[in-house]
Amino acid sequence: MTALFDDPMTEAAGAPTDDICEAFERVHRSKCTRCQEFGAANIRGAVMTRTTRAQRWALANVYQRKHPQPSHPLNLRAWWQGYRAFRTTVLPGPDCILVQWCGMWLGIEHDGYTHS
């Protein structure tokens, strides 16, 4: 995913990376038995709140505070599943998205600024 987001050609072409990622996650959740067994409101039926790229980066940074990204690629799949489950807990707010983390609510603005 990082290669897709950080690629200057992708930005220059105006590729709809947000839509591509959401479509991939939707299809993946509907077909992957491991995701269906994993949970998070039975991730199969969960709906993710629409987010900007900056908000997704901020969400990943928040998730990484408690769950550091593993260095071995075989463990990365489990990290991504946990992150996706975490993303399903995001709620839309008035001017930001809200996520409960470590006993408090965090607000993440459209530009990725995170506050409690």
Protein backbone atom coordinates (compact mmCIF):
# COMPACT_ATOMS: atom_id res chain seq x y z
CA MET A 1 0.00 0.00 0.00
CA THR A 2 2.82 2.39 0.80
CA ALA A 3 4.19 2.02 -2.71
CA LEU A 4 0.78 2.97 -4.11
CA PHE A 5 0.31 6.02 -1.86
CA ASP A 6 3.85 7.39 -2.15
CA ASP A 7 4.24 6.95 -5.89
CA PRO A 8 4.48 10.37 -7.59
CA MET A 9 3.06 8.96 -10.82
CA THR A 10 -0.06 7.80 -8.99
CA GLU A 11 -0.61 11.29 -7.62
CA ALA A 12 0.18 12.96 -10.95
CA ALA A 13 -2.28 10.71 -12.78
CA GLY A 14 -4.96 11.50 -10.21
CA ALA A 15 -5.63 7.81 -9.58
CA PRO A 16 -8.55 7.22 -7.19
CA THR A 17 -6.44 5.43 -4.55
CA ASP A 18 -9.10 5.87 -1.87
CA ASP A 19 -11.71 4.11 -3.99
CA ILE A 20 -9.25 1.40 -5.02
CA CYS A 21 -8.34 0.62 -1.40
CA GLU A 22 -11.94 0.58 -0.20
CA ALA A 23 -13.02 -1.66 -3.08
CA PHE A 24 -10.13 -4.04 -2.38
CA GLU A 25 -11.00 -4.20 1.33
CA ARG A 26 -14.69 -4.77 0.58
CA VAL A 27 -13.95 -7.65 -1.81
CA HIS A 28 -11.28 -9.08 0.47
CA ARG A 29 -13.58 -9.10 3.51
CA SER A 30 -16.31 -10.86 1.57
CA LYS A 31 -14.03 -13.66 0.33
CA CYS A 32 -11.33 -14.16 2.99
CA THR A 33 -12.32 -16.83 5.51
CA ARG A 34 -9.54 -15.76 7.91
CA CYS A 35 -10.95 -12.23 8.05
CA GLN A 36 -14.43 -13.61 8.60
CA GLU A 37 -13.19 -15.73 11.50
CA PHE A 38 -11.03 -12.92 12.92
CA GLY A 39 -13.90 -10.90 14.33
CA ALA A 40 -14.23 -7.15 14.73
CA ALA A 41 -17.98 -7.16 14.53
CA ASN A 42 -17.48 -10.12 12.26
CA ILE A 43 -15.52 -8.00 9.84
CA ARG A 44 -17.60 -9.47 7.01
CA GLY A 45 -20.60 -7.29 7.77
CA ALA A 46 -18.70 -4.30 9.08
CA VAL A 47 -18.79 -1.06 7.14
CA MET A 48 -15.80 1.25 7.18
CA THR A 49 -16.27 4.97 7.45
CA ARG A 50 -15.06 6.86 4.39
CA THR A 51 -11.70 8.45 5.16
CA THR A 52 -9.08 10.57 3.45
CA ARG A 53 -5.58 9.31 2.75
CA ALA A 54 -4.16 11.49 5.56
CA GLN A 55 -6.74 10.08 8.00
CA ARG A 56 -5.80 6.51 7.05
CA TRP A 57 -2.11 7.27 7.66
CA ALA A 58 -3.00 8.80 11.03
CA LEU A 59 -5.13 5.75 11.91
CA ALA A 60 -2.24 3.45 11.02
CA ASN A 61 0.08 5.55 13.23
CA VAL A 62 -2.38 5.34 16.13
CA TYR A 63 -2.72 1.58 15.68
CA GLN A 64 1.09 1.21 15.53
CA ARG A 65 1.50 2.82 18.95
CA LYS A 66 0.09 -0.32 20.57
CA HIS A 67 0.81 -2.84 17.84
CA PRO A 68 4.20 -2.16 16.18
CA GLN A 69 4.47 -3.33 12.60
CA PRO A 70 6.40 -6.62 12.47
CA SER A 71 9.61 -6.78 10.52
CA HIS A 72 8.97 -10.28 9.14
CA PRO A 73 6.61 -10.38 6.13
CA LEU A 74 4.81 -13.50 7.36
CA ASN A 75 3.61 -11.62 10.45
CA LEU A 76 2.54 -8.60 8.42
CA ARG A 77 -0.72 -10.25 7.32
CA ALA A 78 -1.90 -10.56 10.93
CA TRP A 79 -0.98 -6.92 11.55
CA TRP A 80 -3.01 -5.79 8.52
CA GLN A 81 -6.00 -7.85 9.67
CA GLY A 82 -5.80 -6.22 13.09
CA TYR A 83 -5.49 -2.78 11.52
CA ARG A 84 -8.51 -3.38 9.30
CA ALA A 85 -10.48 -4.54 12.33
CA PHE A 86 -9.40 -1.34 14.10
CA ARG A 87 -10.57 0.71 11.11
CA THR A 88 -14.06 -0.76 11.38
CA THR A 89 -14.39 0.88 14.81
CA VAL A 90 -14.05 4.38 13.30
CA LEU A 91 -17.14 6.57 13.59
CA PRO A 92 -17.93 9.67 11.55
CA GLY A 93 -17.80 12.88 13.57
CA PRO A 94 -18.88 16.45 12.82
CA ASP A 95 -15.67 17.56 11.08
CA CYS A 96 -13.47 14.55 11.71
CA ILE A 97 -13.54 10.81 12.29
CA LEU A 98 -13.61 9.42 15.82
CA VAL A 99 -11.95 6.29 17.15
CA GLN A 100 -11.80 4.91 20.66
CA TRP A 101 -8.23 4.14 21.68
CA CYS A 102 -6.77 3.31 25.12
CA GLY A 103 -9.87 4.45 26.99
CA MET A 104 -10.26 7.79 25.21
CA TRP A 105 -11.76 9.11 22.00
CA LEU A 106 -9.42 10.43 19.36
CA GLY A 107 -10.53 12.77 16.62
CA ILE A 108 -8.67 12.71 13.32
CA GLU A 109 -9.17 15.72 11.07
CA HIS A 110 -9.28 15.56 7.26
CA ASP A 111 -5.61 16.58 7.10
CA GLY A 112 -4.58 13.77 9.50
CA TYR A 113 -4.18 15.92 12.63
CA THR A 114 -5.00 13.69 15.61
CA HIS A 115 -6.34 15.04 18.92
CA SER A 116 -8.16 13.77 21.98
